[in-house]
Amino acid sequence: MEIWINPECSKCRSALSILDAEGADYTVRRYLEDPPTDAELREVLGRLGLEPWDITRLGEPVAAELGMPGWPRDEAARDRWIGALAANPVLIQRPIITADDGHAVVGRTEESVRSTLP
């Protein structure tokens, strides 16, 4: 599995602690340093079963600068949202865990992190 983290994030550190305690085999991706591409975001969104606005951190200053809170949340605007996330990875909710079985979660709770374990 792979986990997208920001090392400064307490939820990310908590998720890593759970995975470590369970002896999980995972790869860390520091997504601020190694941002996902549009294609990777589309693939992860499909695995999450979410839309880009569902994983956008609208409280970030760049979201306000871009006017994102007022952007439409529909199929016609989907590419715009994905492009903004790829260009500004700080906007991506974290941590995101992609499990080996094909599903993915936003691992902000212990329950969601544990759902990725075999």
Protein backbone atom coordinates (compact mmCIF):
# COMPACT_ATOMS: atom_id res chain seq x y z
CA MET A 1 0.00 0.00 0.00
CA GLU A 2 0.98 3.62 -0.37
CA ILE A 3 0.24 6.49 2.00
CA TRP A 4 0.33 10.13 0.90
CA ILE A 5 1.49 12.24 3.82
CA ASN A 6 2.62 15.62 4.98
CA PRO A 7 5.08 14.88 7.82
CA GLU A 8 3.89 18.02 9.64
CA CYS A 9 0.32 16.64 9.86
CA SER A 10 -0.73 14.97 13.12
CA LYS A 11 -3.32 12.78 11.33
CA CYS A 12 -0.57 11.54 9.00
CA ARG A 13 1.74 10.74 11.91
CA SER A 14 -1.11 8.93 13.66
CA ALA A 15 -1.87 6.86 10.56
CA LEU A 16 1.80 5.90 10.24
CA SER A 17 1.86 4.86 13.91
CA ILE A 18 -1.14 2.57 13.38
CA LEU A 19 0.37 1.02 10.26
CA ASP A 20 3.70 0.52 12.04
CA ALA A 21 2.05 -1.03 15.10
CA GLU A 22 0.26 -3.49 12.81
CA GLY A 23 3.45 -4.31 10.90
CA ALA A 24 1.94 -3.11 7.63
CA ASP A 25 4.05 -3.02 4.50
CA TYR A 26 3.69 0.42 2.94
CA THR A 27 5.43 3.09 0.92
CA VAL A 28 5.39 6.73 2.01
CA ARG A 29 4.80 9.44 -0.54
CA ARG A 30 5.45 12.96 0.65
CA TYR A 31 2.95 14.42 -1.75
CA LEU A 32 3.98 18.04 -1.22
CA GLU A 33 7.47 17.16 -2.51
CA ASP A 34 6.25 14.56 -5.04
CA PRO A 35 2.82 15.84 -6.15
CA PRO A 36 0.40 13.51 -7.88
CA THR A 37 -0.34 14.08 -11.54
CA ASP A 38 -3.82 14.71 -12.90
CA ALA A 39 -3.95 11.04 -13.95
CA GLU A 40 -2.90 9.82 -10.49
CA LEU A 41 -5.52 12.02 -8.87
CA ARG A 42 -8.21 10.65 -11.18
CA GLU A 43 -7.16 7.09 -10.37
CA VAL A 44 -7.14 7.72 -6.61
CA LEU A 45 -10.48 9.54 -6.74
CA GLY A 46 -11.93 6.51 -8.52
CA ARG A 47 -10.57 4.22 -5.83
CA LEU A 48 -11.88 6.53 -3.10
CA GLY A 49 -15.27 6.84 -4.76
CA LEU A 50 -15.05 10.60 -4.23
CA GLU A 51 -14.98 13.78 -6.27
CA PRO A 52 -12.07 16.24 -6.20
CA TRP A 53 -14.01 18.76 -4.12
CA ASP A 54 -14.51 16.03 -1.49
CA ILE A 55 -10.75 15.84 -0.86
CA THR A 56 -9.99 19.56 -1.16
CA ARG A 57 -8.79 21.48 1.89
CA LEU A 58 -10.84 24.62 1.32
CA GLY A 59 -9.43 26.25 4.47
CA GLU A 60 -6.00 26.64 2.87
CA PRO A 61 -5.12 30.21 1.84
CA VAL A 62 -4.49 29.15 -1.77
CA ALA A 63 -8.07 27.82 -1.98
CA ALA A 64 -9.36 31.26 -1.04
CA GLU A 65 -6.95 32.94 -3.47
CA LEU A 66 -8.27 30.74 -6.27
CA GLY A 67 -11.89 31.32 -5.21
CA MET A 68 -12.43 27.57 -4.90
CA PRO A 69 -15.21 27.71 -2.31
CA GLY A 70 -17.39 29.27 -5.01
CA TRP A 71 -16.47 26.88 -7.80
CA PRO A 72 -19.24 24.67 -9.17
CA ARG A 73 -19.21 21.09 -7.98
CA ASP A 74 -20.32 19.26 -11.07
CA GLU A 75 -18.94 17.14 -13.88
CA ALA A 76 -18.21 20.19 -16.04
CA ALA A 77 -15.95 21.63 -13.31
CA ARG A 78 -14.24 18.35 -12.37
CA ASP A 79 -11.15 18.93 -14.56
CA ARG A 80 -10.70 22.41 -13.09
CA TRP A 81 -10.70 20.99 -9.55
CA ILE A 82 -8.27 18.20 -10.44
CA GLY A 83 -5.93 20.65 -12.15
CA ALA A 84 -5.94 22.89 -9.07
CA LEU A 85 -5.14 19.94 -6.78
CA ALA A 86 -2.28 18.80 -9.02
CA ALA A 87 -0.87 22.34 -9.22
CA ASN A 88 -1.35 23.01 -5.48
CA PRO A 89 -0.93 19.71 -3.61
CA VAL A 90 -1.29 21.48 -0.25
CA LEU A 91 -5.02 21.47 -1.09
CA ILE A 92 -5.23 17.66 -0.99
CA GLN A 93 -6.77 16.16 2.14
CA ARG A 94 -4.42 13.87 4.00
CA PRO A 95 -3.43 11.17 4.59
CA ILE A 96 -4.65 9.18 1.62
CA ILE A 97 -3.97 5.46 1.75
CA THR A 98 -4.22 3.25 -1.30
CA ALA A 99 -4.61 -0.37 -0.24
CA ASP A 100 -3.28 -3.40 -2.07
CA ASP A 101 -6.82 -4.72 -2.56
CA GLY A 102 -7.69 -1.73 -4.77
CA HIS A 103 -9.63 0.48 -2.40
CA ALA A 104 -8.42 3.73 -0.90
CA VAL A 105 -9.33 5.87 2.10
CA VAL A 106 -8.72 9.30 3.50
CA GLY A 107 -7.13 8.03 6.71
CA ARG A 108 -8.21 10.67 9.18
CA THR A 109 -9.64 8.17 11.67
CA GLU A 110 -8.20 5.03 13.20
CA GLU A 111 -11.09 3.06 11.73
CA SER A 112 -10.38 4.24 8.18
CA VAL A 113 -6.66 3.48 8.50
CA ARG A 114 -7.40 0.00 9.85
CA SER A 115 -9.78 -0.65 6.95
CA THR A 116 -6.76 -0.76 4.64
CA LEU A 117 -5.10 -3.59 6.54
CA PRO A 118 -5.41 -7.16 5.28
